[in-house]
Protein backbone atom coordinates (compact mmCIF):
# COMPACT_ATOMS: atom_id res chain seq x y z
CA UNK A 1 24.73 -3.42 10.79
CA UNK A 2 22.91 -6.50 9.58
CA UNK A 3 19.18 -6.38 8.86
CA UNK A 4 17.33 -8.14 11.70
CA UNK A 5 14.06 -8.54 9.81
CA UNK A 6 13.35 -11.54 7.68
CA UNK A 7 10.83 -11.94 4.88
CA UNK A 8 8.50 -14.08 7.00
CA UNK A 9 8.17 -11.32 9.61
CA UNK A 10 7.32 -8.73 6.98
CA UNK A 11 4.89 -11.08 5.21
CA UNK A 12 3.21 -11.77 8.56
CA UNK A 13 2.80 -8.03 9.10
CA UNK A 14 1.05 -7.67 5.73
CA UNK A 15 -1.15 -10.70 6.47
CA UNK A 16 -2.24 -9.20 9.79
CA UNK A 17 -2.91 -5.78 8.26
CA UNK A 18 -5.12 -7.50 5.67
CA UNK A 19 -7.02 -9.24 8.47
CA UNK A 20 -7.52 -5.92 10.27
CA UNK A 21 -8.82 -4.25 7.10
CA UNK A 22 -11.25 -7.11 6.55
CA UNK A 23 -12.41 -6.98 10.17
CA UNK A 24 -13.15 -3.24 10.09
CA UNK A 25 -14.64 -3.40 6.59
CA UNK A 26 -17.07 -6.10 7.71
CA UNK A 27 -17.91 -4.18 10.92
CA UNK A 28 -18.93 -1.33 8.62
CA UNK A 29 -21.09 -3.68 6.53
CA UNK A 30 -19.03 -2.88 3.47
CA UNK A 31 -18.19 -5.29 0.67
CA UNK A 32 -14.78 -5.51 -0.93
CA UNK A 33 -16.25 -3.93 -4.05
CA UNK A 34 -17.73 -1.02 -2.11
CA UNK A 35 -14.41 -0.37 -0.38
CA UNK A 36 -12.58 -0.62 -3.70
CA UNK A 37 -14.91 1.92 -5.31
CA UNK A 38 -14.58 4.26 -2.33
CA UNK A 39 -10.79 4.04 -2.67
CA UNK A 40 -11.05 4.95 -6.35
CA UNK A 41 -10.60 1.51 -7.90
CA UNK A 42 -12.93 -0.16 -10.39
CA UNK A 43 -12.53 -3.76 -9.22
CA UNK A 44 -12.03 -5.75 -6.04
CA UNK A 45 -8.62 -7.00 -7.15
CA UNK A 46 -6.49 -4.89 -4.81
CA UNK A 47 -8.71 -5.22 -1.74
CA UNK A 48 -9.29 -8.94 -2.22
CA UNK A 49 -5.63 -9.74 -2.88
CA UNK A 50 -4.32 -7.53 -0.08
CA UNK A 51 -6.79 -8.80 2.52
CA UNK A 52 -5.62 -12.35 1.78
CA UNK A 53 -2.03 -11.40 0.88
CA UNK A 54 -2.27 -13.43 -2.31
CA UNK A 55 0.42 -12.96 -4.92
CA UNK A 56 2.20 -10.95 -2.20
CA UNK A 57 -0.15 -8.02 -2.84
CA UNK A 58 -0.48 -5.71 0.13
CA UNK A 59 -1.84 -2.35 1.18
CA UNK A 60 0.60 0.54 1.08
CA UNK A 61 0.50 3.61 3.30
CA UNK A 62 -1.74 5.56 0.91
CA UNK A 63 -4.21 2.66 0.84
CA UNK A 64 -4.27 2.47 4.63
CA UNK A 65 -4.84 6.22 4.88
CA UNK A 66 -7.79 6.02 2.47
CA UNK A 67 -9.24 2.97 4.21
CA UNK A 68 -9.00 4.62 7.63
CA UNK A 69 -10.83 7.70 6.32
CA UNK A 70 -13.50 5.64 4.55
CA UNK A 71 -14.12 3.44 7.59
CA UNK A 72 -13.84 6.38 9.99
CA UNK A 73 -11.13 4.76 12.10
CA UNK A 74 -7.57 5.63 13.02
CA UNK A 75 -4.86 4.34 10.70
CA UNK A 76 -3.32 2.93 13.89
CA UNK A 77 -6.28 0.56 14.17
CA UNK A 78 -5.07 -1.15 11.00
CA UNK A 79 -1.51 -1.72 12.20
CA UNK A 80 -1.21 -4.77 14.42
CA UNK A 81 0.91 -4.53 17.52
CA UNK A 82 3.25 -7.29 18.59
């Protein structure tokens, strides 16, 4: 069976997850640095890059779990639907 998913679709998913994280982070009046620290990181590099999907950096499942707990939301809130 041939893979039906192309790179653009997957990239678009990561872009939209980054937008969702940014939206909820800002609703919680939290900076990228504050979220990074709360996740256990010492710089904004991951959060900044993943929110913007620069250098094809993205949040993985562990990141999304931590973010959902920190922001007190469901992990499902971070996953865009079609």
